[in-house]
Amino acid sequence: MTGFLVMATAPMPMFATFGVLTAVMIIFALLVSLLVLPSLLLLVTPSLKGDERARLEQAITKGEFAYEPHAPETAHLRHPGEEERERRAEDDE
């Protein structure tokens, strides 16, 4: 995007206009992909429940592991490798 904005300083008006227009369109495309697309996907994609969800999980995981949703009673537990990462970070300091 910066390269196209640099073209805005070109002495030829045709190249300057092309640079500005292209940079604006890139910014517009970025904003649409970050703001509009996720919202649109939530509206368009149906929520899967029951057998449909089980079939989808089976198709994605191919039976390699069982998907278990996070239980609220285990929310306070930490990831097994988290303590070791914290120790390494302290050692590096």
Protein backbone atom coordinates (compact mmCIF):
# COMPACT_ATOMS: atom_id res chain seq x y z
CA MET A 1 0.00 0.00 0.00
CA THR A 2 2.84 2.39 0.81
CA GLY A 3 4.29 1.83 -2.63
CA PHE A 4 1.06 2.97 -4.24
CA LEU A 5 0.91 6.03 -1.98
CA VAL A 6 4.44 6.92 -3.08
CA MET A 7 3.11 7.00 -6.62
CA ALA A 8 0.88 9.90 -5.51
CA THR A 9 3.99 12.07 -5.60
CA ALA A 10 4.61 11.24 -9.26
CA PRO A 11 4.86 14.26 -11.56
CA MET A 12 2.43 12.72 -14.05
CA PRO A 13 -1.19 13.13 -12.91
CA MET A 14 -2.23 9.80 -14.39
CA PHE A 15 0.26 7.87 -12.19
CA ALA A 16 -0.52 10.00 -9.13
CA THR A 17 -4.25 9.34 -9.48
CA PHE A 18 -3.61 5.63 -10.03
CA GLY A 19 -1.48 5.46 -6.87
CA VAL A 20 -4.03 7.21 -4.66
CA LEU A 21 -6.98 5.28 -6.05
CA THR A 22 -5.22 1.95 -5.64
CA ALA A 23 -4.17 2.72 -2.05
CA VAL A 24 -7.71 3.78 -1.14
CA MET A 25 -9.13 0.58 -2.64
CA ILE A 26 -6.63 -1.55 -0.70
CA ILE A 27 -7.64 0.17 2.55
CA PHE A 28 -11.31 -0.28 1.65
CA ALA A 29 -10.79 -3.99 0.92
CA LEU A 30 -8.97 -4.43 4.25
CA LEU A 31 -11.77 -2.76 6.20
CA VAL A 32 -14.46 -4.79 4.44
CA SER A 33 -12.61 -8.06 5.03
CA LEU A 34 -12.11 -7.27 8.73
CA LEU A 35 -15.50 -5.75 9.54
CA VAL A 36 -18.13 -6.88 7.05
CA LEU A 37 -17.05 -10.41 6.14
CA PRO A 38 -17.11 -11.90 9.68
CA SER A 39 -20.55 -10.40 10.32
CA LEU A 40 -21.81 -11.68 7.01
CA LEU A 41 -20.47 -15.17 7.74
CA LEU A 42 -22.31 -15.22 11.07
CA LEU A 43 -25.56 -14.35 9.32
CA VAL A 44 -25.15 -16.74 6.39
CA THR A 45 -23.61 -19.79 8.09
CA PRO A 46 -26.19 -21.98 9.82
CA SER A 47 -25.59 -23.03 13.41
CA LEU A 48 -25.00 -26.77 13.59
CA LYS A 49 -26.51 -28.77 16.43
CA GLY A 50 -26.85 -32.39 17.42
CA ASP A 51 -26.16 -35.02 14.78
CA GLU A 52 -25.15 -32.44 12.16
CA ARG A 53 -22.44 -31.09 14.45
CA ALA A 54 -21.22 -34.59 15.31
CA ARG A 55 -20.93 -35.47 11.60
CA LEU A 56 -19.01 -32.27 10.90
CA GLU A 57 -16.61 -32.89 13.80
CA GLN A 58 -16.04 -36.44 12.56
CA ALA A 59 -15.35 -35.20 9.03
CA ILE A 60 -12.87 -32.57 10.26
CA THR A 61 -11.01 -34.67 12.84
CA LYS A 62 -11.29 -37.96 10.90
CA GLY A 63 -11.56 -39.71 14.26
CA GLU A 64 -8.02 -38.74 15.29
CA PHE A 65 -9.12 -37.04 18.50
CA ALA A 66 -12.31 -36.47 20.39
CA TYR A 67 -13.53 -32.91 20.64
CA GLU A 68 -14.67 -32.03 24.12
CA PRO A 69 -16.00 -28.57 24.83
CA HIS A 70 -14.36 -26.66 27.66
CA ALA A 71 -16.15 -27.37 30.92
CA PRO A 72 -16.80 -24.36 33.18
CA GLU A 73 -15.60 -26.25 36.25
CA THR A 74 -12.13 -26.65 34.70
CA ALA A 75 -11.81 -23.02 33.57
CA HIS A 76 -9.36 -22.20 36.35
CA LEU A 77 -6.88 -24.90 35.26
CA ARG A 78 -3.77 -23.78 33.40
CA HIS A 79 -2.25 -25.25 30.25
CA PRO A 80 0.44 -27.85 31.10
CA GLY A 81 3.22 -26.02 29.23
CA GLU A 82 2.33 -22.57 30.54
CA GLU A 83 4.36 -22.82 33.77
CA GLU A 84 7.46 -23.91 31.88
CA ARG A 85 7.14 -21.00 29.42
CA GLU A 86 6.85 -18.57 32.32
CA ARG A 87 9.99 -20.03 33.95
CA ARG A 88 11.93 -19.69 30.68
CA ALA A 89 10.77 -16.09 30.32
CA GLU A 90 11.96 -15.32 33.85
CA ASP A 91 15.32 -17.00 33.17
CA ASP A 92 15.77 -14.94 29.99
CA GLU A 93 15.26 -11.70 31.91
